[in-house]
């Protein structure tokens, strides 16, 4: 299942609106084939793994094998035929999958279909890791809203700009490269009109290893005054200008739902200033936070988060802390619903250091 999860991770940022799924085939302790879902309309991970095994060892070698899959195999016709049909036709002896499909019309249906064909079925193996990869897909299916990550780079005193006369970058090369991989994990990047006017960002993938056919994320500029945007900004003039969308932002929830419905977006990365970012937090639309901390004290009046504040602190859970050169990256989920406070809550937090 660990190998299948590695395959699934290859599809993050590529497979939308479908989920990133991986599969491997094993027989007699040997790996026969592997596969991952590359894009909507293309073969699912199970069929990719079956094709890989057939190329490497021939179809007969697959009979009696075990398939490890990160999500319950589809059992209905969509853009492609049901994967349960392919698994049965291949003569598998066993299917092991991690996460159950949360669609009530499909959940557990594969078990009955496969068992009726004489295939042993085991579910829940590696479920926690698989469901982490599938959070955006599940959220869109259940709420219509994409998964929203808020990313910022700040000084130790919470500022996002350096003193006049210094360079524009707060963080070093390692942190900036990490942001590129973060962008590659989403289908859209949202910024504000004010950020475009002030910083003229490109919001593109630029690392060579990320440009192997992966689509550039949609770049969404939220503004009430589109006529005031600089028309010579990179977002409107570079080779990916057709991937730039203008939205009014009158209703942020509707804006996000429209991205999920119309562009097939599962995950959104927010790269914007403190005022627009605060509006997303105040609307309860942020799911995950990624903060890059630079070892600087900058002063000034441009904070990472603005707004009027909240009635109580927003707390992160499932924390991960990593060192990237001289900088730190802190990543965690925004706790939803009632928030505990005090010693009991603090003791429940677990941060890992890499």
Protein backbone atom coordinates (compact mmCIF):
# COMPACT_ATOMS: atom_id res chain seq x y z
CA UNK A 1 0.00 0.00 0.00
CA UNK A 2 2.93 2.32 0.61
CA UNK A 3 3.96 1.83 -3.03
CA UNK A 4 0.39 2.50 -4.14
CA UNK A 5 0.35 5.73 -2.12
CA UNK A 6 3.59 6.79 -3.81
CA UNK A 7 1.85 6.28 -7.15
CA UNK A 8 -1.19 8.27 -6.00
CA UNK A 9 0.98 11.25 -5.02
CA UNK A 10 2.07 11.56 -8.66
CA UNK A 11 -1.49 12.53 -9.53
CA UNK A 12 -1.85 15.37 -7.03
CA UNK A 13 -2.44 18.57 -8.99
CA UNK A 14 -3.04 16.61 -12.21
CA UNK A 15 -6.08 14.36 -11.85
CA UNK A 16 -8.79 16.95 -11.03
CA UNK A 17 -11.71 16.84 -11.01
CA UNK A 18 -11.00 13.18 -10.35
CA UNK A 19 -9.13 12.05 -7.22
CA UNK A 20 -5.42 11.16 -7.21
CA UNK A 21 -5.32 7.36 -6.97
CA UNK A 22 -2.50 4.83 -7.16
CA UNK A 23 -2.42 1.05 -7.60
CA UNK A 24 0.12 -1.76 -7.65
CA UNK A 25 -0.14 -5.47 -8.49
CA UNK A 26 1.77 -8.06 -6.48
CA UNK A 27 2.11 -11.84 -6.80
CA UNK A 28 4.35 -14.23 -4.92
CA UNK A 29 6.20 -11.37 -3.29
CA UNK A 30 7.04 -9.77 -6.65
CA UNK A 31 5.81 -6.45 -7.99
CA UNK A 32 4.11 -7.01 -11.34
CA UNK A 33 2.92 -3.54 -12.23
CA UNK A 34 2.04 -0.08 -10.98
CA UNK A 35 -0.06 2.85 -12.12
CA UNK A 36 -1.65 6.17 -11.23
CA UNK A 37 -4.55 8.22 -12.56
CA UNK A 38 -3.03 10.87 -14.80
CA UNK A 39 -6.03 12.99 -15.82
CA UNK A 40 -9.80 12.95 -16.06
CA UNK A 41 -10.89 10.84 -19.02
CA UNK A 42 -7.70 8.77 -18.97
CA UNK A 43 -7.49 5.23 -17.53
CA UNK A 44 -7.86 4.92 -13.78
CA UNK A 45 -4.97 3.72 -11.63
CA UNK A 46 -6.20 0.11 -11.58
CA UNK A 47 -6.25 -0.13 -15.37
CA UNK A 48 -2.84 1.58 -15.59
CA UNK A 49 -1.39 -1.00 -13.18
CA UNK A 50 -3.00 -3.89 -15.09
CA UNK A 51 -1.62 -2.59 -18.39
CA UNK A 52 1.84 -2.13 -16.87
CA UNK A 53 1.82 -5.69 -15.53
CA UNK A 54 0.62 -7.10 -18.85
CA UNK A 55 3.42 -5.29 -20.72
CA UNK A 56 6.07 -6.49 -18.28
CA UNK A 57 4.93 -10.07 -17.62
CA UNK A 58 2.00 -10.94 -19.87
CA UNK A 59 -1.70 -11.17 -18.99
CA UNK A 60 -1.49 -14.72 -17.63
CA UNK A 61 0.97 -13.65 -14.93
CA UNK A 62 -1.68 -11.38 -13.45
CA UNK A 63 -4.09 -14.21 -12.64
CA UNK A 64 -4.12 -14.90 -8.91
CA UNK A 65 -2.37 -11.59 -8.09
CA UNK A 66 -3.29 -9.04 -5.43
CA UNK A 67 -4.12 -5.42 -6.25
CA UNK A 68 -3.37 -2.67 -3.71
CA UNK A 69 -5.40 0.48 -4.46
CA UNK A 70 -5.61 3.74 -2.51
CA UNK A 71 -9.35 4.28 -3.12
CA UNK A 72 -12.26 1.88 -3.46
CA UNK A 73 -12.43 0.81 -7.13
CA UNK A 74 -15.18 2.47 -9.14
CA UNK A 75 -18.13 0.20 -9.83
CA UNK A 76 -20.18 2.40 -12.16
CA UNK A 77 -19.74 3.83 -15.65
CA UNK A 78 -18.38 7.39 -15.87
CA UNK A 79 -15.94 8.73 -18.45
CA UNK A 80 -14.34 5.28 -18.28
CA UNK A 81 -15.76 1.78 -17.64
CA UNK A 82 -15.91 0.45 -14.05
CA UNK A 83 -12.56 -0.68 -12.70
CA UNK A 84 -14.27 -3.59 -10.93
CA UNK A 85 -14.89 -5.07 -14.38
CA UNK A 86 -11.20 -4.85 -15.28
CA UNK A 87 -10.11 -6.39 -11.98
CA UNK A 88 -12.52 -9.31 -12.42
CA UNK A 89 -11.54 -9.88 -16.05
CA UNK A 90 -7.85 -9.95 -15.09
CA UNK A 91 -8.47 -12.90 -12.74
CA UNK A 92 -7.23 -11.30 -9.53
CA UNK A 93 -7.41 -13.31 -6.33
CA UNK A 94 -7.50 -10.38 -3.90
CA UNK A 95 -8.13 -6.64 -3.82
CA UNK A 96 -6.90 -4.46 -0.95
CA UNK A 97 -7.94 -0.81 -0.89
CA UNK A 98 -7.33 2.00 1.56
CA UNK A 99 -10.19 4.54 1.58
CA UNK A 100 -13.88 3.91 1.07
CA UNK A 101 -15.60 6.06 -1.57
CA UNK A 102 -17.73 8.55 0.37
CA UNK A 103 -20.35 8.77 -2.34
CA UNK A 104 -23.27 6.92 -0.71
CA UNK A 105 -24.24 5.50 -4.10
CA UNK A 106 -20.81 3.85 -4.40
CA UNK A 107 -19.54 3.32 -0.84
CA UNK A 108 -18.86 -0.37 -0.31
CA UNK A 109 -20.49 -1.35 -3.59
CA UNK A 110 -17.20 -2.59 -5.01
CA UNK A 111 -16.93 -5.11 -2.18
CA UNK A 112 -20.15 -6.85 -3.18
CA UNK A 113 -19.30 -6.79 -6.89
CA UNK A 114 -15.81 -8.22 -6.39
CA UNK A 115 -16.80 -10.82 -3.81
CA UNK A 116 -19.61 -12.02 -6.05
CA UNK A 117 -16.87 -12.74 -8.62
CA UNK A 118 -14.88 -14.76 -6.04
CA UNK A 119 -12.29 -12.07 -5.25
CA UNK A 120 -11.22 -11.58 -1.64
CA UNK A 121 -11.59 -7.94 -0.52
CA UNK A 122 -9.88 -6.08 2.32
CA UNK A 123 -10.43 -2.37 3.00
CA UNK A 124 -9.02 0.24 5.36
CA UNK A 125 -5.33 -0.60 4.89
CA UNK A 126 -3.44 2.72 4.88
CA UNK A 127 -6.75 4.58 5.09
CA UNK A 128 -5.41 7.56 7.06
CA UNK A 129 -2.65 8.35 4.56
CA UNK A 130 -4.98 7.84 1.61
CA UNK A 131 -7.69 10.06 3.06
CA UNK A 132 -5.13 12.82 3.58
CA UNK A 133 -4.43 12.77 -0.17
CA UNK A 134 -8.15 12.60 -0.89
CA UNK A 135 -9.25 15.46 1.40
CA UNK A 136 -9.76 17.92 -1.46
CA UNK A 137 -11.73 15.43 -3.56
CA UNK A 138 -13.93 14.41 -0.64
CA UNK A 139 -14.55 18.05 0.32
CA UNK A 140 -15.70 19.00 -3.18
CA UNK A 141 -17.95 15.96 -3.35
CA UNK A 142 -19.52 16.66 0.05
CA UNK A 143 -19.75 20.48 0.07
CA UNK A 144 -19.12 21.79 -3.45
CA UNK A 145 -16.19 23.81 -2.08
CA UNK A 146 -12.54 23.14 -2.96
CA UNK A 147 -9.84 22.64 -0.34
CA UNK A 148 -8.35 26.05 0.50
CA UNK A 149 -4.70 26.47 1.55
CA UNK A 150 -3.51 29.84 2.77
CA UNK A 151 0.20 30.38 2.25
CA UNK A 152 2.31 33.26 3.46
CA UNK A 153 5.97 34.11 4.00
CA UNK A 154 6.63 36.42 6.91
CA UNK A 155 9.29 37.79 9.19
CA UNK A 156 9.38 36.81 12.83
CA UNK A 157 7.34 39.90 13.65
CA UNK A 158 4.63 38.91 11.18
CA UNK A 159 5.49 41.30 8.34
CA UNK A 160 5.39 40.39 4.65
CA UNK A 161 7.60 43.20 3.32
CA UNK A 162 11.21 44.11 4.05
CA UNK A 163 12.44 47.63 4.85
CA UNK A 164 12.78 50.00 1.86
CA UNK A 165 15.95 49.43 -0.14
CA UNK A 166 16.24 45.74 0.69
CA UNK A 167 15.41 42.87 -1.66
CA UNK A 168 11.85 41.65 -2.17
CA UNK A 169 12.42 38.11 -0.86
CA UNK A 170 11.87 37.33 2.80
CA UNK A 171 12.82 33.67 2.50
CA UNK A 172 15.73 31.84 0.91
CA UNK A 173 16.01 29.64 -2.17
CA UNK A 174 14.97 26.40 -0.43
CA UNK A 175 11.72 27.89 0.86
CA UNK A 176 10.93 29.44 -2.51
CA UNK A 177 11.49 26.09 -4.22
CA UNK A 178 9.14 24.50 -1.69
CA UNK A 179 6.46 27.04 -2.67
CA UNK A 180 6.81 25.84 -6.26
CA UNK A 181 5.95 22.30 -5.16
CA UNK A 182 3.03 23.67 -3.14
CA UNK A 183 1.71 25.40 -6.25
CA UNK A 184 2.08 22.16 -8.18
CA UNK A 185 -0.27 20.43 -5.73
CA UNK A 186 -3.26 22.68 -6.52
CA UNK A 187 -5.37 23.49 -9.55
CA UNK A 188 -5.83 27.21 -8.85
CA UNK A 189 -3.99 30.08 -7.16
CA UNK A 190 -6.05 32.99 -5.87
CA UNK A 191 -4.70 36.48 -5.35
CA UNK A 192 -6.17 39.94 -4.97
CA UNK A 193 -6.21 42.88 -7.36
CA UNK A 194 -4.19 44.86 -4.83
CA UNK A 195 -1.45 42.21 -4.85
CA UNK A 196 -1.34 42.30 -8.65
CA UNK A 197 -1.07 46.09 -8.65
CA UNK A 198 1.60 46.16 -5.93
CA UNK A 199 3.74 43.06 -6.64
CA UNK A 200 2.90 42.01 -10.23
CA UNK A 201 3.32 38.30 -9.41
CA UNK A 202 3.52 35.59 -12.08
CA UNK A 203 2.11 32.76 -9.89
CA UNK A 204 3.55 30.09 -12.20
CA UNK A 205 5.39 26.80 -11.94
CA UNK A 206 8.98 27.35 -12.99
CA UNK A 207 11.02 24.38 -11.72
CA UNK A 208 11.91 22.07 -14.66
CA UNK A 209 10.84 18.93 -12.80
CA UNK A 210 7.33 20.37 -12.43
CA UNK A 211 6.88 21.18 -16.12
CA UNK A 212 6.61 17.62 -17.48
CA UNK A 213 3.17 18.09 -18.99
CA UNK A 214 1.60 19.32 -15.76
CA UNK A 215 -0.89 22.13 -16.46
CA UNK A 216 -0.18 25.55 -15.00
CA UNK A 217 -2.68 26.26 -12.20
CA UNK A 218 -5.50 28.66 -12.91
CA UNK A 219 -4.58 32.15 -11.69
CA UNK A 220 -7.61 33.86 -10.20
CA UNK A 221 -7.51 37.60 -9.55
CA UNK A 222 -10.24 38.80 -7.20
CA UNK A 223 -11.01 42.49 -7.63
CA UNK A 224 -13.91 44.91 -7.62
CA UNK A 225 -11.99 47.26 -9.95
CA UNK A 226 -10.66 45.25 -12.93
CA UNK A 227 -10.11 48.39 -15.01
CA UNK A 228 -7.41 49.52 -12.57
CA UNK A 229 -5.30 46.37 -12.99
CA UNK A 230 -1.98 46.85 -14.83
CA UNK A 231 -2.60 45.30 -18.24
CA UNK A 232 1.14 44.72 -18.76
CA UNK A 233 1.38 42.55 -15.63
CA UNK A 234 2.71 38.99 -16.19
CA UNK A 235 -0.69 37.45 -15.41
CA UNK A 236 -2.12 39.16 -18.52
CA UNK A 237 0.84 39.00 -20.89
CA UNK A 238 2.81 35.77 -20.37
CA UNK A 239 2.37 32.54 -22.33
CA UNK A 240 -0.21 31.28 -19.81
CA UNK A 241 -2.41 34.37 -19.88
CA UNK A 242 -5.39 32.23 -20.93
CA UNK A 243 -5.08 30.57 -17.51
CA UNK A 244 -5.83 33.91 -15.77
CA UNK A 245 -9.38 34.51 -14.55
CA UNK A 246 -10.89 37.73 -13.16
CA UNK A 247 -13.55 37.43 -10.47
CA UNK A 248 -15.39 40.07 -8.46
CA UNK A 249 -15.22 38.35 -5.08
CA UNK A 250 -18.60 39.72 -3.97
CA UNK A 251 -19.33 36.29 -2.51
CA UNK A 252 -16.15 34.31 -1.83
CA UNK A 253 -17.99 31.05 -1.16
CA UNK A 254 -19.77 31.24 -4.50
CA UNK A 255 -16.50 32.13 -6.23
CA UNK A 256 -14.88 28.97 -4.84
CA UNK A 257 -17.85 26.78 -5.72
CA UNK A 258 -17.78 28.12 -9.26
CA UNK A 259 -14.11 27.19 -9.59
CA UNK A 260 -14.87 23.64 -8.46
CA UNK A 261 -17.84 23.33 -10.82
CA UNK A 262 -16.58 25.17 -13.91
CA UNK A 263 -12.81 24.55 -13.84
CA UNK A 264 -12.84 21.22 -11.98
CA UNK A 265 -10.71 22.64 -9.18
CA UNK A 266 -10.13 20.45 -6.11
CA UNK A 267 -7.55 22.60 -4.27
CA UNK A 268 -6.90 26.34 -4.15
CA UNK A 269 -3.77 28.11 -2.91
CA UNK A 270 -4.20 31.66 -1.60
CA UNK A 271 -1.26 33.99 -2.22
CA UNK A 272 -2.47 37.44 -1.27
CA UNK A 273 -2.08 40.28 1.19
CA UNK A 274 -3.41 40.55 4.71
CA UNK A 275 -6.75 42.19 3.95
CA UNK A 276 -7.99 39.69 1.36
CA UNK A 277 -6.58 36.77 3.36
CA UNK A 278 -8.41 37.93 6.47
CA UNK A 279 -11.69 37.99 4.53
CA UNK A 280 -11.28 34.30 3.69
CA UNK A 281 -10.56 33.43 7.31
CA UNK A 282 -13.50 35.49 8.52
CA UNK A 283 -15.77 33.65 6.08
CA UNK A 284 -14.57 30.30 7.45
CA UNK A 285 -13.27 29.19 4.05
CA UNK A 286 -9.64 28.29 4.88
CA UNK A 287 -8.82 24.62 5.54
CA UNK A 288 -5.04 24.57 5.79
CA UNK A 289 -2.26 27.02 6.59
CA UNK A 290 1.33 27.02 5.31
CA UNK A 291 3.61 29.65 6.85
CA UNK A 292 7.24 30.24 5.86
CA UNK A 293 9.09 32.04 8.66
CA UNK A 294 12.23 34.00 7.84
CA UNK A 295 14.79 34.82 10.58
CA UNK A 296 14.20 38.56 10.14
CA UNK A 297 12.62 41.40 12.07
CA UNK A 298 11.28 43.86 9.54
CA UNK A 299 8.92 46.22 11.32
CA UNK A 300 6.60 48.30 9.22
CA UNK A 301 2.86 48.30 8.78
CA UNK A 302 2.17 45.41 6.35
CA UNK A 303 1.07 42.34 8.35
CA UNK A 304 0.47 38.86 6.96
CA UNK A 305 -3.12 38.99 8.22
CA UNK A 306 -5.26 42.09 8.55
CA UNK A 307 -8.94 42.44 9.24
CA UNK A 308 -10.62 43.42 12.47
CA UNK A 309 -9.67 40.26 14.37
CA UNK A 310 -11.70 37.37 15.72
CA UNK A 311 -13.63 36.76 18.90
CA UNK A 312 -11.18 33.95 19.69
CA UNK A 313 -7.93 32.60 18.28
CA UNK A 314 -7.95 30.21 15.34
CA UNK A 315 -5.96 27.12 16.24
CA UNK A 316 -4.06 24.72 14.00
CA UNK A 317 -3.87 20.97 14.38
CA UNK A 318 -1.89 18.16 12.69
CA UNK A 319 1.13 20.44 12.75
CA UNK A 320 4.26 19.78 10.74
CA UNK A 321 7.41 21.89 11.15
CA UNK A 322 10.34 21.66 8.74
CA UNK A 323 13.57 23.60 8.33
CA UNK A 324 14.32 24.86 4.81
CA UNK A 325 17.76 26.44 4.81
CA UNK A 326 17.61 29.26 7.34
CA UNK A 327 13.80 29.39 7.20
CA UNK A 328 11.07 27.39 8.89
CA UNK A 329 7.90 26.04 7.33
CA UNK A 330 4.91 25.45 9.59
CA UNK A 331 1.94 23.61 8.12
CA UNK A 332 -1.31 22.62 9.79
CA UNK A 333 -5.05 22.21 9.43
CA UNK A 334 -7.37 24.91 10.63
CA UNK A 335 -9.55 23.47 13.35
CA UNK A 336 -13.22 23.83 12.48
CA UNK A 337 -16.12 24.15 14.90
CA UNK A 338 -15.72 24.71 18.66
CA UNK A 339 -12.11 25.32 19.63
CA UNK A 340 -10.74 24.07 22.91
CA UNK A 341 -8.42 26.30 24.91
CA UNK A 342 -5.89 25.97 27.66
CA UNK A 343 -3.58 23.22 28.80
CA UNK A 344 -5.68 20.29 27.59
CA UNK A 345 -5.82 21.69 24.07
CA UNK A 346 -2.13 22.53 23.97
CA UNK A 347 -1.15 19.03 25.03
CA UNK A 348 -3.10 17.52 22.15
CA UNK A 349 -0.99 19.20 19.49
CA UNK A 350 1.67 17.07 17.85
CA UNK A 351 4.31 18.66 15.65
CA UNK A 352 6.89 16.68 13.68
CA UNK A 353 10.27 18.08 12.67
CA UNK A 354 11.98 17.05 9.45
